[in-house]
Amino acid sequence: MRLWTIQGIDIYDQLQRDGVAYCTKPAWGDDEKFMKAYRWMTDQMRQRIGEPPMKEIWYPMWAWYQYNSAKSRKPLRSCLDIQKGISAYMEIEIPDNEVLLSDFCNWHNVLNQCPLTNWKRINKKTDLLEKEAGKSLRFEDYPAEIQKEIEKSWEAIFDLDRRDKEVGRTHKRNRSIQATFWMLKSENIISVEFLERKGNVVKRICFDKNC
């Protein structure tokens, strides 16, 4: 499967040094809501494509299957994936059975701990709980059965052919689709560019002597 991933230069250095790179901690932060979403995705990975191949792997790595649509698969070189400093923009090839695809837009329901399907019925329950409590409640404040119901609804992000109104009617070819996998090997790399972000400006640089 052809994918595109934008990783910090430290990941590229690890690939060059060890021939393999993997995720021990998400790069975007460590607040509890964010980490819960990553742990949920990690559990889904285990169920759907199997256990990590190494015990040192704690979380998936991320890439793009299609950034905007089937006609615009490659991420823009100015996209938000490019963090401050130097990044490696890599085109990669990963075996299909080692990749889990999901809807990027609907992934935000997981990040925000909101129901994705059956949301009217679930929200009716949570609204009643908040009315009884006299305040807004966090996800952790809901009874375990409601938490499980919300988490179950998130699994719709993996059904890329689903087109009901709850998760969007957009056809698969017009969706932003992300890819997760356990590890990246140097042999998976098809091509690499080095990009540097300074403020809002991103430019291509020659960081490697072979580029």
N, C-alpha and C. Protein backbone atom coordinates (compact mmCIF):
# COMPACT_ATOMS: atom_id res chain seq x y z
N MET A 1 0.85 -1.18 0.00
CA MET A 1 0.00 0.00 0.00
C MET A 1 0.89 1.25 0.00
N ARG A 2 0.64 2.15 -0.93
CA ARG A 2 1.43 3.37 -1.03
C ARG A 2 0.86 4.43 -0.06
N LEU A 3 1.73 4.97 0.78
CA LEU A 3 1.36 5.94 1.80
C LEU A 3 2.37 7.08 1.80
N TRP A 4 2.00 8.15 2.51
CA TRP A 4 2.90 9.28 2.71
C TRP A 4 2.92 9.65 4.18
N THR A 5 4.09 9.83 4.73
CA THR A 5 4.21 10.18 6.15
C THR A 5 5.21 11.31 6.32
N ILE A 6 4.94 12.18 7.27
CA ILE A 6 5.84 13.29 7.58
C ILE A 6 6.30 13.11 9.01
N GLN A 7 7.59 12.83 9.19
CA GLN A 7 8.14 12.52 10.49
C GLN A 7 9.26 13.50 10.84
N GLY A 8 9.48 13.68 12.14
CA GLY A 8 10.59 14.51 12.59
C GLY A 8 11.91 13.92 12.14
N ILE A 9 12.91 14.75 12.03
CA ILE A 9 14.21 14.30 11.56
C ILE A 9 14.80 13.23 12.47
N ASP A 10 14.39 13.21 13.74
CA ASP A 10 14.89 12.18 14.65
C ASP A 10 14.43 10.78 14.22
N ILE A 11 13.21 10.69 13.67
CA ILE A 11 12.72 9.40 13.18
C ILE A 11 13.52 8.96 11.97
N TYR A 12 13.82 9.90 11.07
CA TYR A 12 14.63 9.56 9.90
C TYR A 12 16.03 9.12 10.33
N ASP A 13 16.60 9.82 11.30
CA ASP A 13 17.92 9.44 11.80
C ASP A 13 17.90 8.03 12.40
N GLN A 14 16.80 7.72 13.11
CA GLN A 14 16.66 6.38 13.68
C GLN A 14 16.59 5.32 12.58
N LEU A 15 15.87 5.64 11.50
CA LEU A 15 15.79 4.71 10.37
C LEU A 15 17.15 4.47 9.75
N GLN A 16 17.91 5.56 9.61
CA GLN A 16 19.24 5.44 9.02
C GLN A 16 20.18 4.64 9.94
N ARG A 17 20.02 4.83 11.23
CA ARG A 17 20.92 4.19 12.20
C ARG A 17 20.55 2.72 12.45
N ASP A 18 19.23 2.48 12.67
CA ASP A 18 18.78 1.15 13.10
C ASP A 18 18.04 0.37 12.02
N GLY A 19 17.65 1.06 10.96
CA GLY A 19 16.89 0.39 9.91
C GLY A 19 15.41 0.25 10.22
N VAL A 20 14.98 0.74 11.40
CA VAL A 20 13.59 0.64 11.82
C VAL A 20 13.26 1.79 12.77
N ALA A 21 12.00 2.24 12.73
CA ALA A 21 11.53 3.28 13.65
C ALA A 21 10.12 2.93 14.10
N TYR A 22 9.78 3.33 15.32
CA TYR A 22 8.47 3.04 15.87
C TYR A 22 8.15 4.09 16.93
N CYS A 23 6.92 4.04 17.43
CA CYS A 23 6.43 5.09 18.33
C CYS A 23 6.36 4.58 19.77
N THR A 24 7.06 5.27 20.66
CA THR A 24 6.96 4.97 22.09
C THR A 24 6.11 6.01 22.82
N LYS A 25 5.93 7.19 22.17
CA LYS A 25 5.12 8.25 22.74
C LYS A 25 4.63 9.16 21.63
N PRO A 26 3.32 9.50 21.59
CA PRO A 26 2.81 10.38 20.56
C PRO A 26 3.52 11.73 20.55
N ALA A 27 3.73 12.28 19.35
CA ALA A 27 4.50 13.51 19.21
C ALA A 27 3.69 14.78 19.49
N TRP A 28 2.35 14.67 19.43
CA TRP A 28 1.54 15.89 19.48
C TRP A 28 1.14 16.32 20.89
N GLY A 29 1.53 15.60 21.90
CA GLY A 29 1.16 16.03 23.25
C GLY A 29 0.91 14.84 24.16
N ASP A 30 0.65 15.12 25.44
CA ASP A 30 0.43 14.01 26.36
C ASP A 30 -0.72 14.29 27.32
N ASP A 31 -1.68 15.15 26.93
CA ASP A 31 -2.83 15.35 27.80
C ASP A 31 -3.69 14.09 27.78
N GLU A 32 -4.46 13.87 28.83
CA GLU A 32 -5.15 12.61 29.04
C GLU A 32 -6.16 12.31 27.93
N LYS A 33 -6.90 13.32 27.47
CA LYS A 33 -7.89 13.09 26.41
C LYS A 33 -7.19 12.60 25.14
N PHE A 34 -6.08 13.23 24.81
CA PHE A 34 -5.33 12.86 23.62
C PHE A 34 -4.77 11.44 23.75
N MET A 35 -4.21 11.14 24.91
CA MET A 35 -3.63 9.83 25.13
C MET A 35 -4.69 8.73 25.12
N LYS A 36 -5.89 9.04 25.60
CA LYS A 36 -6.97 8.05 25.59
C LYS A 36 -7.31 7.67 24.15
N ALA A 37 -7.34 8.67 23.26
CA ALA A 37 -7.63 8.39 21.85
C ALA A 37 -6.54 7.50 21.25
N TYR A 38 -5.29 7.78 21.59
CA TYR A 38 -4.19 6.96 21.08
C TYR A 38 -4.27 5.53 21.62
N ARG A 39 -4.62 5.40 22.90
CA ARG A 39 -4.74 4.06 23.46
C ARG A 39 -5.88 3.29 22.81
N TRP A 40 -6.99 3.99 22.51
CA TRP A 40 -8.12 3.36 21.84
C TRP A 40 -7.69 2.86 20.46
N MET A 41 -6.98 3.70 19.70
CA MET A 41 -6.52 3.29 18.37
C MET A 41 -5.55 2.12 18.49
N THR A 42 -4.70 2.14 19.50
CA THR A 42 -3.76 1.05 19.72
C THR A 42 -4.51 -0.27 19.94
N ASP A 43 -5.57 -0.24 20.74
CA ASP A 43 -6.38 -1.44 20.98
C ASP A 43 -7.05 -1.92 19.69
N GLN A 44 -7.53 -0.97 18.88
CA GLN A 44 -8.16 -1.33 17.61
C GLN A 44 -7.15 -1.97 16.67
N MET A 45 -5.92 -1.45 16.68
CA MET A 45 -4.87 -2.03 15.85
C MET A 45 -4.63 -3.49 16.24
N ARG A 46 -4.54 -3.74 17.53
CA ARG A 46 -4.31 -5.11 18.01
C ARG A 46 -5.43 -6.06 17.55
N GLN A 47 -6.67 -5.57 17.62
CA GLN A 47 -7.80 -6.40 17.25
C GLN A 47 -7.88 -6.64 15.74
N ARG A 48 -7.49 -5.66 14.95
CA ARG A 48 -7.75 -5.69 13.51
C ARG A 48 -6.56 -6.15 12.67
N ILE A 49 -5.33 -5.87 13.10
CA ILE A 49 -4.18 -6.31 12.30
C ILE A 49 -3.14 -7.08 13.12
N GLY A 50 -3.40 -7.25 14.42
CA GLY A 50 -2.51 -8.06 15.24
C GLY A 50 -1.62 -7.25 16.17
N GLU A 51 -0.92 -7.95 17.02
CA GLU A 51 -0.06 -7.35 18.03
C GLU A 51 1.16 -6.67 17.40
N PRO A 52 1.74 -5.68 18.09
CA PRO A 52 2.97 -5.07 17.60
C PRO A 52 4.07 -6.13 17.46
N PRO A 53 4.93 -5.99 16.45
CA PRO A 53 5.98 -7.00 16.24
C PRO A 53 7.12 -6.92 17.26
N MET A 54 7.17 -5.83 18.04
CA MET A 54 8.22 -5.66 19.04
C MET A 54 7.59 -5.16 20.33
N LYS A 55 8.08 -5.63 21.47
CA LYS A 55 7.52 -5.23 22.76
C LYS A 55 7.77 -3.76 23.07
N GLU A 56 8.77 -3.16 22.40
CA GLU A 56 9.08 -1.74 22.64
C GLU A 56 8.07 -0.79 22.01
N ILE A 57 7.21 -1.31 21.13
CA ILE A 57 6.24 -0.47 20.44
C ILE A 57 5.01 -0.26 21.32
N TRP A 58 4.72 0.99 21.61
CA TRP A 58 3.59 1.33 22.47
C TRP A 58 2.40 1.89 21.69
N TYR A 59 2.67 2.62 20.62
CA TYR A 59 1.60 3.28 19.87
C TYR A 59 1.85 3.14 18.36
N PRO A 60 0.81 3.33 17.54
CA PRO A 60 0.98 3.25 16.09
C PRO A 60 1.75 4.46 15.54
N MET A 61 2.25 4.29 14.33
CA MET A 61 2.75 5.40 13.54
C MET A 61 1.64 5.81 12.58
N TRP A 62 1.70 7.07 12.14
CA TRP A 62 0.63 7.64 11.31
C TRP A 62 1.14 8.00 9.92
N ALA A 63 0.26 7.85 8.93
CA ALA A 63 0.57 8.27 7.56
C ALA A 63 -0.75 8.63 6.87
N TRP A 64 -0.63 9.09 5.65
CA TRP A 64 -1.80 9.40 4.84
C TRP A 64 -1.97 8.37 3.73
N TYR A 65 -3.19 7.86 3.58
CA TYR A 65 -3.55 7.06 2.41
C TYR A 65 -4.05 7.98 1.31
N GLN A 66 -4.92 8.92 1.70
CA GLN A 66 -5.27 10.00 0.79
C GLN A 66 -5.56 11.25 1.62
N TYR A 67 -4.83 12.30 1.30
CA TYR A 67 -4.85 13.52 2.11
C TYR A 67 -6.18 14.27 1.96
N ASN A 68 -6.61 14.46 0.73
CA ASN A 68 -7.88 15.14 0.47
C ASN A 68 -8.89 14.24 -0.23
N SER A 69 -8.41 13.49 -1.21
CA SER A 69 -9.30 12.66 -2.02
C SER A 69 -8.45 11.68 -2.82
N ALA A 70 -9.11 10.83 -3.59
CA ALA A 70 -8.39 9.87 -4.42
C ALA A 70 -7.57 10.58 -5.50
N LYS A 71 -7.98 11.78 -5.87
CA LYS A 71 -7.25 12.57 -6.86
C LYS A 71 -6.15 13.42 -6.22
N SER A 72 -6.18 13.54 -4.92
CA SER A 72 -5.20 14.36 -4.20
C SER A 72 -4.72 13.59 -2.97
N ARG A 73 -3.95 12.54 -3.23
CA ARG A 73 -3.57 11.63 -2.15
C ARG A 73 -2.39 12.15 -1.34
N LYS A 74 -1.46 12.79 -1.99
CA LYS A 74 -0.24 13.23 -1.29
C LYS A 74 -0.52 14.45 -0.43
N PRO A 75 -0.04 14.48 0.81
CA PRO A 75 -0.23 15.68 1.66
C PRO A 75 0.53 16.87 1.11
N LEU A 76 -0.03 18.05 1.33
CA LEU A 76 0.63 19.28 0.92
C LEU A 76 1.90 19.49 1.71
N ARG A 77 2.88 20.09 1.10
CA ARG A 77 4.13 20.35 1.79
C ARG A 77 4.02 21.52 2.77
N SER A 78 2.86 22.12 2.80
CA SER A 78 2.60 23.19 3.77
C SER A 78 1.59 22.77 4.83
N CYS A 79 1.26 21.47 4.89
CA CYS A 79 0.20 21.02 5.79
C CYS A 79 0.66 21.07 7.25
N LEU A 80 -0.31 20.94 8.15
CA LEU A 80 -0.04 21.08 9.58
C LEU A 80 0.78 19.92 10.14
N ASP A 81 0.93 18.84 9.38
CA ASP A 81 1.76 17.73 9.84
C ASP A 81 3.22 18.14 9.98
N ILE A 82 3.60 19.17 9.27
CA ILE A 82 4.99 19.62 9.27
C ILE A 82 5.21 20.52 10.48
N GLN A 83 5.92 20.01 11.46
CA GLN A 83 6.14 20.74 12.70
C GLN A 83 7.35 21.66 12.57
N LYS A 84 7.56 22.47 13.57
CA LYS A 84 8.68 23.40 13.58
C LYS A 84 9.99 22.64 13.49
N GLY A 85 10.90 23.16 12.69
CA GLY A 85 12.19 22.51 12.51
C GLY A 85 12.23 21.70 11.23
N ILE A 86 13.05 20.66 11.22
CA ILE A 86 13.27 19.86 10.01
C ILE A 86 12.47 18.57 10.08
N SER A 87 11.77 18.26 8.99
CA SER A 87 10.98 17.04 8.89
C SER A 87 11.38 16.25 7.65
N ALA A 88 11.13 14.96 7.70
CA ALA A 88 11.34 14.08 6.55
C ALA A 88 9.98 13.73 5.95
N TYR A 89 9.76 14.15 4.72
CA TYR A 89 8.52 13.90 3.99
C TYR A 89 8.76 12.64 3.15
N MET A 90 8.17 11.52 3.57
CA MET A 90 8.50 10.23 2.96
C MET A 90 7.33 9.58 2.25
N GLU A 91 7.59 9.11 1.06
CA GLU A 91 6.66 8.24 0.34
C GLU A 91 7.08 6.81 0.70
N ILE A 92 6.13 6.02 1.16
CA ILE A 92 6.48 4.69 1.67
C ILE A 92 5.55 3.62 1.10
N GLU A 93 5.98 2.39 1.19
CA GLU A 93 5.18 1.24 0.76
C GLU A 93 5.15 0.25 1.92
N ILE A 94 3.93 -0.02 2.44
CA ILE A 94 3.74 -0.93 3.56
C ILE A 94 2.79 -2.05 3.12
N PRO A 95 3.05 -3.31 3.47
CA PRO A 95 2.11 -4.39 3.12
C PRO A 95 0.70 -4.08 3.62
N ASP A 96 -0.29 -4.38 2.79
CA ASP A 96 -1.68 -4.06 3.12
C ASP A 96 -2.11 -4.61 4.47
N ASN A 97 -1.67 -5.83 4.79
CA ASN A 97 -2.13 -6.47 6.03
C ASN A 97 -1.48 -5.89 7.29
N GLU A 98 -0.57 -4.93 7.10
CA GLU A 98 0.08 -4.27 8.24
C GLU A 98 -0.44 -2.85 8.45
N VAL A 99 -1.49 -2.48 7.71
CA VAL A 99 -2.02 -1.11 7.76
C VAL A 99 -3.49 -1.12 8.13
N LEU A 100 -3.89 -0.17 8.98
CA LEU A 100 -5.30 0.03 9.31
C LEU A 100 -5.70 1.42 8.82
N LEU A 101 -6.68 1.47 7.92
CA LEU A 101 -7.17 2.73 7.38
C LEU A 101 -8.38 3.21 8.17
N SER A 102 -8.50 4.53 8.30
CA SER A 102 -9.66 5.11 9.00
C SER A 102 -9.94 6.50 8.48
N ASP A 103 -11.18 6.94 8.68
CA ASP A 103 -11.62 8.26 8.23
C ASP A 103 -11.03 9.34 9.12
N PHE A 104 -10.25 10.23 8.54
CA PHE A 104 -9.55 11.25 9.32
C PHE A 104 -10.52 12.24 9.97
N CYS A 105 -11.52 12.69 9.24
CA CYS A 105 -12.47 13.67 9.81
C CYS A 105 -13.21 13.08 10.99
N ASN A 106 -13.67 11.83 10.85
CA ASN A 106 -14.41 11.20 11.95
C ASN A 106 -13.51 10.80 13.12
N TRP A 107 -12.20 10.73 12.88
CA TRP A 107 -11.23 10.48 13.95
C TRP A 107 -11.34 11.56 15.03
N HIS A 108 -11.79 12.75 14.65
CA HIS A 108 -11.90 13.84 15.62
C HIS A 108 -12.99 13.57 16.66
N ASN A 109 -13.96 12.72 16.32
CA ASN A 109 -14.93 12.32 17.35
C ASN A 109 -14.25 11.53 18.45
N VAL A 110 -13.26 10.73 18.07
CA VAL A 110 -12.49 9.97 19.06
C VAL A 110 -11.64 10.94 19.90
N LEU A 111 -10.97 11.87 19.24
CA LEU A 111 -10.14 12.84 19.94
C LEU A 111 -10.96 13.68 20.92
N ASN A 112 -12.19 14.00 20.52
CA ASN A 112 -13.05 14.86 21.36
C ASN A 112 -14.00 14.06 22.24
N GLN A 113 -13.90 12.74 22.18
CA GLN A 113 -14.70 11.84 23.02
C GLN A 113 -16.20 12.06 22.83
N CYS A 114 -16.58 12.22 21.55
CA CYS A 114 -17.99 12.43 21.20
C CYS A 114 -18.51 11.21 20.44
N PRO A 115 -19.79 10.86 20.59
CA PRO A 115 -20.33 9.73 19.83
C PRO A 115 -20.31 10.02 18.33
N LEU A 116 -20.09 8.98 17.55
CA LEU A 116 -20.06 9.13 16.10
C LEU A 116 -21.34 8.62 15.46
N THR A 117 -21.81 7.47 15.91
CA THR A 117 -23.10 6.95 15.46
C THR A 117 -24.05 6.90 16.66
N ASN A 118 -25.33 6.82 16.37
CA ASN A 118 -26.36 6.80 17.43
C ASN A 118 -26.21 8.00 18.37
N TRP A 119 -25.72 9.11 17.84
CA TRP A 119 -25.41 10.25 18.72
C TRP A 119 -26.65 10.90 19.31
N LYS A 120 -27.77 10.87 18.60
CA LYS A 120 -28.98 11.45 19.16
C LYS A 120 -29.42 10.69 20.40
N ARG A 121 -29.40 9.37 20.31
CA ARG A 121 -29.81 8.54 21.46
C ARG A 121 -28.82 8.68 22.61
N ILE A 122 -27.53 8.67 22.29
CA ILE A 122 -26.52 8.79 23.34
C ILE A 122 -26.55 10.17 23.99
N ASN A 123 -26.66 11.20 23.16
CA ASN A 123 -26.71 12.57 23.70
C ASN A 123 -27.93 12.79 24.58
N LYS A 124 -29.02 12.10 24.26
CA LYS A 124 -30.21 12.22 25.10
C LYS A 124 -29.91 11.71 26.51
N LYS A 125 -29.13 10.62 26.58
CA LYS A 125 -28.76 10.06 27.89
C LYS A 125 -27.79 10.98 28.62
N THR A 126 -26.79 11.48 27.91
CA THR A 126 -25.79 12.33 28.57
C THR A 126 -26.39 13.68 28.97
N ASP A 127 -27.30 14.20 28.16
CA ASP A 127 -27.97 15.46 28.52
C ASP A 127 -28.77 15.30 29.81
N LEU A 128 -29.43 14.16 29.97
CA LEU A 128 -30.20 13.89 31.18
C LEU A 128 -29.28 13.80 32.39
N LEU A 129 -28.14 13.14 32.22
CA LEU A 129 -27.17 13.02 33.32
C LEU A 129 -26.64 14.39 33.73
N GLU A 130 -26.37 15.25 32.75
CA GLU A 130 -25.86 16.59 33.06
C GLU A 130 -26.94 17.45 33.72
N LYS A 131 -28.18 17.25 33.30
CA LYS A 131 -29.28 17.99 33.93
C LYS A 131 -29.43 17.58 35.39
N GLU A 132 -29.30 16.28 35.66
CA GLU A 132 -29.40 15.79 37.03
C GLU A 132 -28.23 16.27 37.88
N ALA A 133 -27.04 16.35 37.25
CA ALA A 133 -25.85 16.77 37.98
C ALA A 133 -25.78 18.29 38.13
N GLY A 134 -26.50 18.99 37.27
CA GLY A 134 -26.48 20.45 37.32
C GLY A 134 -25.20 21.06 36.79
N LYS A 135 -24.48 20.31 35.96
CA LYS A 135 -23.22 20.80 35.40
C LYS A 135 -22.82 19.95 34.20
N SER A 136 -21.87 20.45 33.43
CA SER A 136 -21.33 19.67 32.32
C SER A 136 -20.48 18.53 32.87
N LEU A 137 -20.53 17.40 32.21
CA LEU A 137 -19.78 16.23 32.66
C LEU A 137 -18.69 15.88 31.64
N ARG A 138 -17.59 15.36 32.15
CA ARG A 138 -16.54 14.86 31.28
C ARG A 138 -16.85 13.42 30.89
N PHE A 139 -16.18 12.93 29.89
CA PHE A 139 -16.36 11.55 29.45
C PHE A 139 -16.19 10.59 30.62
N GLU A 140 -15.18 10.84 31.46
CA GLU A 140 -14.90 9.97 32.59
C GLU A 140 -16.00 9.98 33.65
N ASP A 141 -16.86 11.01 33.62
CA ASP A 141 -17.93 11.12 34.60
C ASP A 141 -19.15 10.27 34.23
N TYR A 142 -19.24 9.84 32.97
CA TYR A 142 -20.39 9.05 32.54
C TYR A 142 -20.29 7.63 33.09
N PRO A 143 -21.42 6.97 33.30
CA PRO A 143 -21.39 5.57 33.72
C PRO A 143 -20.64 4.71 32.70
N ALA A 144 -20.08 3.61 33.15
CA ALA A 144 -19.25 2.75 32.29
C ALA A 144 -20.00 2.29 31.04
N GLU A 145 -21.30 2.01 31.19
CA GLU A 145 -22.03 1.51 30.02
C GLU A 145 -22.18 2.57 28.94
N ILE A 146 -22.29 3.84 29.35
CA ILE A 146 -22.37 4.91 28.34
C ILE A 146 -21.01 5.16 27.71
N GLN A 147 -19.95 5.09 28.50
CA GLN A 147 -18.62 5.22 27.93
C GLN A 147 -18.38 4.14 26.87
N LYS A 148 -18.77 2.91 27.17
CA LYS A 148 -18.59 1.82 26.22
C LYS A 148 -19.43 2.03 24.97
N GLU A 149 -20.62 2.58 25.14
CA GLU A 149 -21.50 2.84 24.00
C GLU A 149 -20.88 3.90 23.08
N ILE A 150 -20.31 4.93 23.67
CA ILE A 150 -19.65 5.97 22.88
C ILE A 150 -18.43 5.40 22.16
N GLU A 151 -17.62 4.63 22.89
CA GLU A 151 -16.43 4.04 22.29
C GLU A 151 -16.80 3.09 21.15
N LYS A 152 -17.86 2.34 21.32
CA LYS A 152 -18.30 1.44 20.25
C LYS A 152 -18.68 2.21 19.01
N SER A 153 -19.28 3.38 19.19
CA SER A 153 -19.70 4.19 18.04
C SER A 153 -18.51 4.66 17.21
N TRP A 154 -17.35 4.79 17.83
CA TRP A 154 -16.15 5.26 17.12
C TRP A 154 -15.68 4.29 16.06
N GLU A 155 -16.04 3.02 16.19
CA GLU A 155 -15.57 2.01 15.25
C GLU A 155 -16.05 2.27 13.82
N ALA A 156 -17.02 3.17 13.67
CA ALA A 156 -17.50 3.53 12.32
C ALA A 156 -16.41 4.22 11.50
N ILE A 157 -15.34 4.72 12.14
CA ILE A 157 -14.28 5.38 11.37
C ILE A 157 -13.57 4.40 10.44
N PHE A 158 -13.68 3.10 10.70
CA PHE A 158 -13.01 2.09 9.88
C PHE A 158 -13.86 1.63 8.70
N ASP A 159 -15.14 1.98 8.72
CA ASP A 159 -16.04 1.58 7.63
C ASP A 159 -16.04 2.68 6.58
N LEU A 160 -15.11 2.61 5.66
CA LEU A 160 -14.93 3.69 4.68
C LEU A 160 -15.98 3.69 3.58
N ASP A 161 -16.77 2.64 3.51
CA ASP A 161 -17.85 2.59 2.52
C ASP A 161 -19.18 3.08 3.10
N ARG A 162 -19.21 3.34 4.39
CA ARG A 162 -20.43 3.79 5.04
C ARG A 162 -20.75 5.21 4.60
N ARG A 163 -22.01 5.45 4.24
CA ARG A 163 -22.37 6.77 3.72
C ARG A 163 -23.67 7.29 4.34
N ASP A 164 -23.97 6.88 5.58
CA ASP A 164 -25.18 7.39 6.21
C ASP A 164 -24.94 8.80 6.72
N LYS A 165 -26.01 9.49 7.06
CA LYS A 165 -25.92 10.90 7.40
C LYS A 165 -25.20 11.15 8.71
N GLU A 166 -25.11 10.13 9.58
CA GLU A 166 -24.46 10.33 10.88
C GLU A 166 -22.96 10.50 10.74
N VAL A 167 -22.35 9.77 9.83
CA VAL A 167 -20.89 9.83 9.68
C VAL A 167 -20.48 10.49 8.37
N GLY A 168 -21.41 11.08 7.67
CA GLY A 168 -21.11 11.79 6.43
C GLY A 168 -21.46 10.95 5.21
N ARG A 169 -22.04 11.60 4.22
CA ARG A 169 -22.47 10.91 3.02
C ARG A 169 -21.38 10.86 1.95
N THR A 170 -20.22 11.44 2.24
CA THR A 170 -19.16 11.54 1.26
C THR A 170 -18.66 10.18 0.82
N HIS A 171 -18.50 10.00 -0.49
CA HIS A 171 -17.97 8.76 -1.03
C HIS A 171 -16.52 8.60 -0.62
N LYS A 172 -16.07 7.37 -0.52
CA LYS A 172 -14.70 7.06 -0.11
C LYS A 172 -13.67 7.82 -0.92
N ARG A 173 -13.91 7.99 -2.21
CA ARG A 173 -12.91 8.65 -3.07
C ARG A 173 -12.73 10.12 -2.73
N ASN A 174 -13.68 10.70 -1.98
CA ASN A 174 -13.60 12.12 -1.63
C ASN A 174 -13.26 12.35 -0.16
N ARG A 175 -12.84 11.32 0.53
CA ARG A 175 -12.54 11.44 1.96
C ARG A 175 -11.05 11.63 2.22
N SER A 176 -10.76 12.20 3.37
CA SER A 176 -9.39 12.20 3.89
C SER A 176 -9.23 10.91 4.69
N ILE A 177 -8.28 10.08 4.28
CA ILE A 177 -8.13 8.77 4.90
C ILE A 177 -6.73 8.64 5.49
N GLN A 178 -6.66 8.38 6.78
CA GLN A 178 -5.39 8.21 7.46
C GLN A 178 -5.04 6.72 7.55
N ALA A 179 -3.77 6.45 7.77
CA ALA A 179 -3.29 5.08 7.89
C ALA A 179 -2.45 4.96 9.15
N THR A 180 -2.63 3.87 9.87
CA THR A 180 -1.79 3.59 11.04
C THR A 180 -1.12 2.24 10.86
N PHE A 181 0.09 2.12 11.37
CA PHE A 181 0.86 0.89 11.26
C PHE A 181 1.85 0.86 12.43
N TRP A 182 2.41 -0.30 12.72
CA TRP A 182 3.21 -0.45 13.93
C TRP A 182 4.63 0.08 13.79
N MET A 183 5.24 -0.11 12.64
CA MET A 183 6.64 0.28 12.52
C MET A 183 6.98 0.61 11.07
N LEU A 184 8.04 1.40 10.93
CA LEU A 184 8.53 1.79 9.61
C LEU A 184 9.95 1.27 9.46
N LYS A 185 10.22 0.59 8.35
CA LYS A 185 11.55 0.07 8.06
C LYS A 185 12.18 0.90 6.95
N SER A 186 13.49 0.97 6.95
CA SER A 186 14.18 1.74 5.90
C SER A 186 13.84 1.20 4.52
N GLU A 187 13.59 -0.09 4.43
CA GLU A 187 13.25 -0.69 3.14
C GLU A 187 11.87 -0.29 2.64
N ASN A 188 11.03 0.29 3.54
CA ASN A 188 9.69 0.76 3.14
C ASN A 188 9.74 2.10 2.41
N ILE A 189 10.84 2.80 2.50
CA ILE A 189 10.92 4.15 1.94
C ILE A 189 11.11 4.12 0.42
N ILE A 190 10.22 4.80 -0.29
CA ILE A 190 10.32 4.95 -1.74
C ILE A 190 11.11 6.21 -2.08
N SER A 191 10.80 7.30 -1.40
CA SER A 191 11.51 8.55 -1.62
C SER A 191 11.39 9.41 -0.37
N VAL A 192 12.28 10.38 -0.24
CA VAL A 192 12.26 11.28 0.91
C VAL A 192 12.68 12.69 0.50
N GLU A 193 11.99 13.68 1.04
CA GLU A 193 12.36 15.09 0.91
C GLU A 193 12.52 15.64 2.31
N PHE A 194 13.38 16.63 2.46
CA PHE A 194 13.56 17.27 3.76
C PHE A 194 12.97 18.66 3.70
N LEU A 195 12.10 18.95 4.67
CA LEU A 195 11.40 20.22 4.73
C LEU A 195 11.71 20.90 6.05
N GLU A 196 11.78 22.22 6.03
CA GLU A 196 12.03 22.99 7.24
C GLU A 196 10.94 24.03 7.41
N ARG A 197 10.31 24.03 8.58
CA ARG A 197 9.29 25.03 8.90
C ARG A 197 9.88 26.07 9.84
N LYS A 198 9.76 27.33 9.42
CA LYS A 198 10.11 28.47 10.26
C LYS A 198 8.90 29.39 10.29
N GLY A 199 8.21 29.41 11.43
CA GLY A 199 6.95 30.16 11.49
C GLY A 199 5.94 29.51 10.57
N ASN A 200 5.37 30.28 9.65
CA ASN A 200 4.39 29.75 8.70
C ASN A 200 5.01 29.38 7.37
N VAL A 201 6.32 29.49 7.27
CA VAL A 201 7.02 29.23 6.00
C VAL A 201 7.64 27.84 6.02
N VAL A 202 7.35 27.05 4.98
CA VAL A 202 7.94 25.73 4.82
C VAL A 202 8.72 25.71 3.52
N LYS A 203 9.97 25.29 3.59
CA LYS A 203 10.78 25.21 2.37
C LYS A 203 11.51 23.88 2.31
N ARG A 204 11.80 23.46 1.09
CA ARG A 204 12.56 22.23 0.87
C ARG A 204 14.04 22.54 1.07
N ILE A 205 14.74 21.66 1.78
CA ILE A 205 16.16 21.88 2.02
C ILE A 205 16.94 20.62 1.66
N CYS A 206 18.24 20.79 1.45
CA CYS A 206 19.12 19.65 1.21
C CYS A 206 19.84 19.37 2.51
N PHE A 207 19.30 18.45 3.30
CA PHE A 207 19.82 18.13 4.62
C PHE A 207 20.74 16.92 4.57
N ASP A 208 20.44 16.04 3.63
CA ASP A 208 21.21 14.80 3.47
C ASP A 208 22.16 14.95 2.29
N LYS A 209 23.38 14.45 2.41
CA LYS A 209 24.37 14.62 1.35
C LYS A 209 23.96 13.95 0.05
N ASN A 210 23.02 13.02 0.13
CA ASN A 210 22.58 12.32 -1.08
C ASN A 210 21.33 12.93 -1.71
N CYS A 211 20.78 14.01 -1.12
CA CYS A 211 19.54 14.55 -1.66
C CYS A 211 19.80 15.47 -2.85
